[in-house]
PDB file of N, CA and C in Angstrom:
ATOM      1  N   MET A   1       0.811  -1.201  -0.024  1.00  0.00           N
ATOM      2  CA  MET A   1      -0.024  -0.043   0.009  1.00  0.00           C
ATOM      3  C   MET A   1       0.842   1.307  -0.023  1.00  0.00           C
ATOM      4  N   ASP A   2       2.014   1.208   0.629  1.00  0.00           N
ATOM      5  CA  ASP A   2       2.882   2.394   0.674  1.00  0.00           C
ATOM      6  C   ASP A   2       3.338   2.765  -0.681  1.00  0.00           C
ATOM      7  N   ASP A   3       3.625   1.844  -1.548  1.00  0.00           N
ATOM      8  CA  ASP A   3       4.010   2.112  -2.937  1.00  0.00           C
ATOM      9  C   ASP A   3       2.887   2.767  -3.751  1.00  0.00           C
ATOM     10  N   LEU A   4       1.611   2.271  -3.502  1.00  0.00           N
ATOM     11  CA  LEU A   4       0.517   2.858  -4.247  1.00  0.00           C
ATOM     12  C   LEU A   4       0.301   4.257  -3.729  1.00  0.00           C
ATOM     13  N   LEU A   5       0.351   4.508  -2.394  1.00  0.00           N
ATOM     14  CA  LEU A   5       0.198   5.875  -1.861  1.00  0.00           C
ATOM     15  C   LEU A   5       1.321   6.827  -2.405  1.00  0.00           C
ATOM     16  N   GLY A   6       2.496   6.356  -2.421  1.00  0.00           N
ATOM     17  CA  GLY A   6       3.575   7.108  -2.993  1.00  0.00           C
ATOM     18  C   GLY A   6       3.312   7.542  -4.462  1.00  0.00           C
ATOM     19  N   PHE A   7       2.852   6.495  -5.242  1.00  0.00           N
ATOM     20  CA  PHE A   7       2.571   6.684  -6.639  1.00  0.00           C
ATOM     21  C   PHE A   7       1.533   7.772  -6.789  1.00  0.00           C
ATOM     22  N   VAL A   8       0.381   7.595  -6.112  1.00  0.00           N
ATOM     23  CA  VAL A   8      -0.777   8.499  -6.163  1.00  0.00           C
ATOM     24  C   VAL A   8      -0.298   9.953  -5.796  1.00  0.00           C
ATOM     25  N   ARG A   9       0.375  10.022  -4.697  1.00  0.00           N
ATOM     26  CA  ARG A   9       0.813  11.378  -4.267  1.00  0.00           C
ATOM     27  C   ARG A   9       1.812  11.993  -5.226  1.00  0.00           C
ATOM     28  N   ALA A  10       2.643  11.229  -5.805  1.00  0.00           N
ATOM     29  CA  ALA A  10       3.615  11.788  -6.832  1.00  0.00           C
ATOM     30  C   ALA A  10       2.912  12.276  -7.994  1.00  0.00           C
ATOM     31  N   ARG A  11       1.910  11.539  -8.530  1.00  0.00           N
ATOM     32  CA  ARG A  11       1.146  11.993  -9.657  1.00  0.00           C
ATOM     33  C   ARG A  11       0.355  13.217  -9.340  1.00  0.00           C
ATOM     34  N   ASN A  12      -0.147  13.209  -8.102  1.00  0.00           N
ATOM     35  CA  ASN A  12      -0.976  14.402  -7.614  1.00  0.00           C
ATOM     36  C   ASN A  12      -0.023  15.686  -7.630  1.00  0.00           C
ATOM     37  N   THR A  13       1.172  15.509  -7.162  1.00  0.00           N
ATOM     38  CA  THR A  13       2.062  16.618  -7.089  1.00  0.00           C
ATOM     39  C   THR A  13       2.412  17.077  -8.529  1.00  0.00           C
ATOM     40  N   GLU A  14       2.694  16.172  -9.388  1.00  0.00           N
ATOM     41  CA  GLU A  14       2.957  16.544 -10.810  1.00  0.00           C
ATOM     42  C   GLU A  14       1.812  17.318 -11.403  1.00  0.00           C
ATOM     43  N   ASP A  15       0.601  16.844 -11.174  1.00  0.00           N
ATOM     44  CA  ASP A  15      -0.560  17.502 -11.732  1.00  0.00           C
ATOM     45  C   ASP A  15      -0.731  18.918 -11.123  1.00  0.00           C
ATOM     46  N   ASN A  16      -0.470  19.058  -9.838  1.00  0.00           N
ATOM     47  CA  ASN A  16      -0.509  20.405  -9.192  1.00  0.00           C
ATOM     48  C   ASN A  16       0.492  21.321  -9.782  1.00  0.00           C
ATOM     49  N   HIS A  17       1.701  20.825 -10.046  1.00  0.00           N
ATOM     50  CA  HIS A  17       2.763  21.580 -10.723  1.00  0.00           C
ATOM     51  C   HIS A  17       2.320  22.095 -12.113  1.00  0.00           C
ATOM     52  N   ALA A  18       1.626  21.127 -12.780  1.00  0.00           N
ATOM     53  CA  ALA A  18       1.173  21.544 -14.158  1.00  0.00           C
ATOM     54  C   ALA A  18       0.141  22.598 -14.105  1.00  0.00           C
ATOM     55  N   TYR A  19      -0.758  22.478 -13.128  1.00  0.00           N
ATOM     56  CA  TYR A  19      -1.783  23.555 -12.980  1.00  0.00           C
ATOM     57  C   TYR A  19      -1.174  24.916 -12.595  1.00  0.00           C
ATOM     58  N   ALA A  20      -0.148  24.889 -11.746  1.00  0.00           N
ATOM     59  CA  ALA A  20       0.519  26.045 -11.382  1.00  0.00           C
ATOM     60  C   ALA A  20       1.184  26.702 -12.576  1.00  0.00           C
ATOM     61  N   TYR A  21       1.799  25.906 -13.430  1.00  0.00           N
ATOM     62  CA  TYR A  21       2.424  26.373 -14.688  1.00  0.00           C
ATOM     63  C   TYR A  21       1.339  27.010 -15.534  1.00  0.00           C
ATOM     64  N   VAL A  22       0.202  26.419 -15.740  1.00  0.00           N
ATOM     65  CA  VAL A  22      -0.822  26.892 -16.574  1.00  0.00           C
ATOM     66  C   VAL A  22      -1.293  28.295 -16.017  1.00  0.00           C
ATOM     67  N   ALA A  23      -1.495  28.377 -14.690  1.00  0.00           N
ATOM     68  CA  ALA A  23      -1.884  29.631 -14.051  1.00  0.00           C
ATOM     69  C   ALA A  23      -0.935  30.757 -14.332  1.00  0.00           C
ATOM     70  N   GLN A  24       0.404  30.366 -14.229  1.00  0.00           N
ATOM     71  CA  GLN A  24       1.466  31.376 -14.409  1.00  0.00           C
ATOM     72  C   GLN A  24       1.539  31.861 -15.861  1.00  0.00           C
ATOM     73  N   VAL A  25       1.348  30.944 -16.795  1.00  0.00           N
ATOM     74  CA  VAL A  25       1.390  31.311 -18.242  1.00  0.00           C
ATOM     75  C   VAL A  25       0.143  31.994 -18.728  1.00  0.00           C
ATOM     76  N   PHE A  26      -1.009  31.411 -18.342  1.00  0.00           N
ATOM     77  CA  PHE A  26      -2.248  31.891 -18.939  1.00  0.00           C
ATOM     78  C   PHE A  26      -3.123  32.667 -17.949  1.00  0.00           C
ATOM     79  N   GLY A  27      -2.725  32.813 -16.737  1.00  0.00           N
ATOM     80  CA  GLY A  27      -3.545  33.512 -15.735  1.00  0.00           C
ATOM     81  C   GLY A  27      -4.446  32.570 -14.950  1.00  0.00           C
ATOM     82  N   SER A  28      -4.843  32.982 -13.815  1.00  0.00           N
ATOM     83  CA  SER A  28      -5.691  32.096 -12.970  1.00  0.00           C
ATOM     84  C   SER A  28      -7.091  31.783 -13.527  1.00  0.00           C
ATOM     85  N   GLU A  29      -7.518  32.618 -14.478  1.00  0.00           N
ATOM     86  CA  GLU A  29      -8.764  32.320 -15.094  1.00  0.00           C
ATOM     87  C   GLU A  29      -8.743  31.030 -15.873  1.00  0.00           C
ATOM     88  N   ALA A  30      -7.566  30.588 -16.299  1.00  0.00           N
ATOM     89  CA  ALA A  30      -7.440  29.361 -17.031  1.00  0.00           C
ATOM     90  C   ALA A  30      -7.791  28.167 -16.155  1.00  0.00           C
ATOM     91  N   LEU A  31      -7.813  28.422 -14.860  1.00  0.00           N
ATOM     92  CA  LEU A  31      -7.995  27.241 -13.902  1.00  0.00           C
ATOM     93  C   LEU A  31      -9.380  27.163 -13.372  1.00  0.00           C
ATOM     94  N   LEU A  32     -10.274  28.012 -13.909  1.00  0.00           N
ATOM     95  CA  LEU A  32     -11.675  28.018 -13.363  1.00  0.00           C
ATOM     96  C   LEU A  32     -12.337  26.651 -13.444  1.00  0.00           C
ATOM     97  N   ASP A  33     -12.122  25.877 -14.497  1.00  0.00           N
ATOM     98  CA  ASP A  33     -12.683  24.575 -14.606  1.00  0.00           C
ATOM     99  C   ASP A  33     -11.710  23.465 -14.348  1.00  0.00           C
ATOM    100  N   SER A  34     -10.682  23.748 -13.537  1.00  0.00           N
ATOM    101  CA  SER A  34      -9.637  22.748 -13.390  1.00  0.00           C
ATOM    102  C   SER A  34     -10.074  21.654 -12.339  1.00  0.00           C
ATOM    103  N   HIS A  35      -9.201  20.763 -12.259  1.00  0.00           N
ATOM    104  CA  HIS A  35      -9.428  19.643 -11.341  1.00  0.00           C
ATOM    105  C   HIS A  35      -8.649  19.780  -9.976  1.00  0.00           C
ATOM    106  N   LEU A  36      -8.294  21.074  -9.730  1.00  0.00           N
ATOM    107  CA  LEU A  36      -7.525  21.321  -8.417  1.00  0.00           C
ATOM    108  C   LEU A  36      -8.318  20.883  -7.239  1.00  0.00           C
ATOM    109  N   PRO A  37      -9.610  21.164  -7.075  1.00  0.00           N
ATOM    110  CA  PRO A  37     -10.322  20.626  -5.908  1.00  0.00           C
ATOM    111  C   PRO A  37     -10.297  19.118  -5.747  1.00  0.00           C
ATOM    112  N   LEU A  38     -10.347  18.459  -6.889  1.00  0.00           N
ATOM    113  CA  LEU A  38     -10.269  17.037  -6.814  1.00  0.00           C
ATOM    114  C   LEU A  38      -8.840  16.535  -6.425  1.00  0.00           C
ATOM    115  N   LEU A  39      -7.804  17.262  -6.868  1.00  0.00           N
ATOM    116  CA  LEU A  39      -6.494  16.858  -6.515  1.00  0.00           C
ATOM    117  C   LEU A  39      -6.293  17.109  -5.019  1.00  0.00           C
ATOM    118  N   ASP A  40      -6.873  18.132  -4.428  1.00  0.00           N
ATOM    119  CA  ASP A  40      -6.791  18.338  -3.026  1.00  0.00           C
ATOM    120  C   ASP A  40      -7.460  17.226  -2.235  1.00  0.00           C
ATOM    121  N   LEU A  41      -8.627  16.758  -2.735  1.00  0.00           N
ATOM    122  CA  LEU A  41      -9.353  15.642  -2.052  1.00  0.00           C
ATOM    123  C   LEU A  41      -8.553  14.365  -2.142  1.00  0.00           C
ATOM    124  N   ILE A  42      -7.890  14.060  -3.314  1.00  0.00           N
ATOM    125  CA  ILE A  42      -7.091  12.952  -3.415  1.00  0.00           C
ATOM    126  C   ILE A  42      -5.932  12.949  -2.419  1.00  0.00           C
ATOM    127  N   ASP A  43      -5.346  14.075  -2.337  1.00  0.00           N
ATOM    128  CA  ASP A  43      -4.169  14.169  -1.393  1.00  0.00           C
ATOM    129  C   ASP A  43      -4.696  13.982   0.081  1.00  0.00           C
ATOM    130  N   MET A  44      -5.845  14.462   0.327  1.00  0.00           N
ATOM    131  CA  MET A  44      -6.399  14.358   1.681  1.00  0.00           C
ATOM    132  C   MET A  44      -6.714  12.833   1.994  1.00  0.00           C
ATOM    133  N   LEU A  45      -7.230  12.118   0.940  1.00  0.00           N
ATOM    134  CA  LEU A  45      -7.416  10.670   1.137  1.00  0.00           C
ATOM    135  C   LEU A  45      -6.093   9.963   1.339  1.00  0.00           C
ATOM    136  N   ALA A  46      -5.142  10.243   0.604  1.00  0.00           N
ATOM    137  CA  ALA A  46      -3.717   9.603   0.809  1.00  0.00           C
ATOM    138  C   ALA A  46      -3.228   9.938   2.145  1.00  0.00           C
ATOM    139  N   ARG A  47      -3.358  11.169   2.635  1.00  0.00           N
ATOM    140  CA  ARG A  47      -2.833  11.424   3.966  1.00  0.00           C
ATOM    141  C   ARG A  47      -3.581  10.682   5.058  1.00  0.00           C
ATOM    142  N   GLU A  48      -4.947  10.594   4.876  1.00  0.00           N
ATOM    143  CA  GLU A  48      -5.687   9.848   5.871  1.00  0.00           C
ATOM    144  C   GLU A  48      -5.357   8.422   5.846  1.00  0.00           C
ATOM    145  N   ARG A  49      -5.146   7.836   4.705  1.00  0.00           N
ATOM    146  CA  ARG A  49      -4.803   6.363   4.626  1.00  0.00           C
ATOM    147  C   ARG A  49      -3.451   6.230   5.298  1.00  0.00           C
ATOM    148  N   THR A  50      -2.527   7.097   5.072  1.00  0.00           N
ATOM    149  CA  THR A  50      -1.153   6.948   5.748  1.00  0.00           C
ATOM    150  C   THR A  50      -1.322   6.996   7.255  1.00  0.00           C
ATOM    151  N   ALA A  51      -2.149   7.861   7.805  1.00  0.00           N
ATOM    152  CA  ALA A  51      -2.270   7.970   9.220  1.00  0.00           C
ATOM    153  C   ALA A  51      -3.192   7.015   9.859  1.00  0.00           C
ATOM    154  N   MET A  52      -3.958   6.235   9.025  1.00  0.00           N
ATOM    155  CA  MET A  52      -4.994   5.352   9.533  1.00  0.00           C
ATOM    156  C   MET A  52      -4.395   4.025  10.077  1.00  0.00           C
ATOM    157  N   ASP A  53      -4.926   3.541  11.146  1.00  0.00           N
ATOM    158  CA  ASP A  53      -4.570   2.300  11.663  1.00  0.00           C
ATOM    159  C   ASP A  53      -5.130   1.220  10.734  1.00  0.00           C
ATOM    160  N   GLY A  54      -4.360   0.173  10.508  1.00  0.00           N
ATOM    161  CA  GLY A  54      -4.813  -0.918   9.553  1.00  0.00           C
ATOM    162  C   GLY A  54      -6.076  -1.591  10.076  1.00  0.00           C
ATOM    163  N   SER A  55      -6.353  -1.544  11.370  1.00  0.00           N
ATOM    164  CA  SER A  55      -7.528  -2.187  11.785  1.00  0.00           C
ATOM    165  C   SER A  55      -8.770  -1.330  11.687  1.00  0.00           C
ATOM    166  N   ASP A  56      -8.637  -0.109  11.257  1.00  0.00           N
ATOM    167  CA  ASP A  56      -9.771   0.775  11.061  1.00  0.00           C
ATOM    168  C   ASP A  56     -10.622   0.220   9.942  1.00  0.00           C
ATOM    169  N   PRO A  57     -11.925  -0.006  10.136  1.00  0.00           N
ATOM    170  CA  PRO A  57     -12.803  -0.568   9.181  1.00  0.00           C
ATOM    171  C   PRO A  57     -12.876   0.196   7.835  1.00  0.00           C
ATOM    172  N   ARG A  58     -12.624   1.499   7.874  1.00  0.00           N
ATOM    173  CA  ARG A  58     -12.628   2.321   6.684  1.00  0.00           C
ATOM    174  C   ARG A  58     -11.387   2.125   5.757  1.00  0.00           C
ATOM    175  N   SER A  59     -10.315   1.439   6.297  1.00  0.00           N
ATOM    176  CA  SER A  59      -9.088   1.371   5.524  1.00  0.00           C
ATOM    177  C   SER A  59      -9.347   0.545   4.245  1.00  0.00           C
ATOM    178  N   VAL A  60     -10.179  -0.493   4.306  1.00  0.00           N
ATOM    179  CA  VAL A  60     -10.377  -1.297   3.104  1.00  0.00           C
ATOM    180  C   VAL A  60     -11.008  -0.471   2.053  1.00  0.00           C
ATOM    181  N   GLY A  61     -12.034   0.297   2.323  1.00  0.00           N
ATOM    182  CA  GLY A  61     -12.700   1.120   1.330  1.00  0.00           C
ATOM    183  C   GLY A  61     -11.806   2.229   0.848  1.00  0.00           C
ATOM    184  N   LEU A  62     -10.988   2.822   1.705  1.00  0.00           N
ATOM    185  CA  LEU A  62     -10.134   3.914   1.283  1.00  0.00           C
ATOM    186  C   LEU A  62      -9.065   3.328   0.387  1.00  0.00           C
ATOM    187  N   ALA A  63      -8.483   2.144   0.678  1.00  0.00           N
ATOM    188  CA  ALA A  63      -7.537   1.533  -0.185  1.00  0.00           C
ATOM    189  C   ALA A  63      -8.138   1.282  -1.572  1.00  0.00           C
ATOM    190  N   TYR A  64      -9.385   0.820  -1.597  1.00  0.00           N
ATOM    191  CA  TYR A  64      -9.979   0.530  -2.921  1.00  0.00           C
ATOM    192  C   TYR A  64     -10.134   1.836  -3.673  1.00  0.00           C
ATOM    193  N   ALA A  65     -10.544   2.925  -3.029  1.00  0.00           N
ATOM    194  CA  ALA A  65     -10.743   4.194  -3.677  1.00  0.00           C
ATOM    195  C   ALA A  65      -9.442   4.700  -4.209  1.00  0.00           C
ATOM    196  N   LEU A  66      -8.324   4.531  -3.534  1.00  0.00           N
ATOM    197  CA  LEU A  66      -7.037   4.949  -4.026  1.00  0.00           C
ATOM    198  C   LEU A  66      -6.607   4.117  -5.235  1.00  0.00           C
ATOM    199  N   ARG A  67      -6.961   2.831  -5.232  1.00  0.00           N
ATOM    200  CA  ARG A  67      -6.685   1.939  -6.367  1.00  0.00           C
ATOM    201  C   ARG A  67      -7.468   2.480  -7.649  1.00  0.00           C
ATOM    202  N   VAL A  68      -8.733   2.824  -7.420  1.00  0.00           N
ATOM    203  CA  VAL A  68      -9.527   3.294  -8.559  1.00  0.00           C
ATOM    204  C   VAL A  68      -8.853   4.629  -9.033  1.00  0.00           C
ATOM    205  N   LEU A  69      -8.509   5.502  -8.160  1.00  0.00           N
ATOM    206  CA  LEU A  69      -7.974   6.773  -8.606  1.00  0.00           C
ATOM    207  C   LEU A  69      -6.658   6.594  -9.308  1.00  0.00           C
ATOM    208  N   ALA A  70      -5.828   5.649  -8.883  1.00  0.00           N
ATOM    209  CA  ALA A  70      -4.548   5.345  -9.448  1.00  0.00           C
ATOM    210  C   ALA A  70      -4.727   4.934 -10.946  1.00  0.00           C
ATOM    211  N   GLN A  71      -5.850   4.338 -11.235  1.00  0.00           N
ATOM    212  CA  GLN A  71      -6.077   3.804 -12.600  1.00  0.00           C
ATOM    213  C   GLN A  71      -6.078   4.971 -13.689  1.00  0.00           C
ATOM    214  N   SER A  72      -6.289   6.233 -13.260  1.00  0.00           N
ATOM    215  CA  SER A  72      -6.253   7.274 -14.176  1.00  0.00           C
ATOM    216  C   SER A  72      -4.857   7.504 -14.697  1.00  0.00           C
ATOM    217  N   TYR A  73      -3.861   6.943 -14.063  1.00  0.00           N
ATOM    218  CA  TYR A  73      -2.459   7.065 -14.417  1.00  0.00           C
ATOM    219  C   TYR A  73      -1.893   5.753 -14.914  1.00  0.00           C
ATOM    220  N   ALA A  74      -2.821   4.849 -15.357  1.00  0.00           N
ATOM    221  CA  ALA A  74      -2.335   3.453 -15.765  1.00  0.00           C
ATOM    222  C   ALA A  74      -1.353   3.512 -16.908  1.00  0.00           C
ATOM    223  N   ASP A  75      -1.312   4.583 -17.661  1.00  0.00           N
ATOM    224  CA  ASP A  75      -0.285   4.622 -18.778  1.00  0.00           C
ATOM    225  C   ASP A  75       1.041   5.135 -18.315  1.00  0.00           C
ATOM    226  N   HIS A  76       1.091   5.502 -17.085  1.00  0.00           N
ATOM    227  CA  HIS A  76       2.387   6.035 -16.493  1.00  0.00           C
ATOM    228  C   HIS A  76       3.343   4.851 -16.361  1.00  0.00           C
ATOM    229  N   PRO A  77       4.645   5.011 -16.650  1.00  0.00           N
ATOM    230  CA  PRO A  77       5.557   3.848 -16.618  1.00  0.00           C
ATOM    231  C   PRO A  77       5.751   3.291 -15.161  1.00  0.00           C
ATOM    232  N   ASP A  78       5.375   3.985 -14.166  1.00  0.00           N
ATOM    233  CA  ASP A  78       5.540   3.512 -12.779  1.00  0.00           C
ATOM    234  C   ASP A  78       4.321   2.773 -12.244  1.00  0.00           C
ATOM    235  N   PHE A  79       3.241   2.808 -13.083  1.00  0.00           N
ATOM    236  CA  PHE A  79       1.981   2.156 -12.627  1.00  0.00           C
ATOM    237  C   PHE A  79       2.207   0.645 -12.617  1.00  0.00           C
ATOM    238  N   ARG A  80       1.661   0.017 -11.580  1.00  0.00           N
ATOM    239  CA  ARG A  80       1.834  -1.501 -11.466  1.00  0.00           C
ATOM    240  C   ARG A  80       0.390  -2.147 -11.669  1.00  0.00           C
ATOM    241  N   GLU A  81       0.345  -3.175 -12.434  1.00  0.00           N
ATOM    242  CA  GLU A  81      -0.896  -3.889 -12.711  1.00  0.00           C
ATOM    243  C   GLU A  81      -1.599  -4.367 -11.471  1.00  0.00           C
ATOM    244  N   GLU A  82      -0.838  -4.693 -10.408  1.00  0.00           N
ATOM    245  CA  GLU A  82      -1.420  -5.263  -9.171  1.00  0.00           C
ATOM    246  C   GLU A  82      -2.201  -4.154  -8.375  1.00  0.00           C
ATOM    247  N   TRP A  83      -2.093  -3.005  -8.821  1.00  0.00           N
ATOM    248  CA  TRP A  83      -2.830  -1.940  -8.151  1.00  0.00           C
ATOM    249  C   TRP A  83      -4.281  -1.783  -8.646  1.00  0.00           C
ATOM    250  N   ARG A  84      -4.579  -2.495  -9.749  1.00  0.00           N
ATOM    251  CA  ARG A  84      -5.950  -2.351 -10.267  1.00  0.00           C
ATOM    252  C   ARG A  84      -6.864  -3.061  -9.276  1.00  0.00           C
ATOM    253  N   PRO A  85      -8.079  -2.466  -9.064  1.00  0.00           N
ATOM    254  CA  PRO A  85      -9.018  -2.994  -8.103  1.00  0.00           C
ATOM    255  C   PRO A  85      -9.571  -4.353  -8.556  1.00  0.00           C
TER     256      PRO A  85
END
């Protein structure tokens, strides 16, 4: 799970940097319809999973959600097939 969390958080960071670049080049108006709120929520889920005790009944659902989210990066060279739900 740690590898999956690291993967999701790294992709999230890359996406945030891309949005920051777009804002710098084209202005903040270019981000009005962006996915920034979603990226913030994904990072919040990853942080919660990291801090969560493995016996917490929510951990299974949260792990599944992170696997589903990771699939949006399935074409990334670091994606692992075993992360698919």
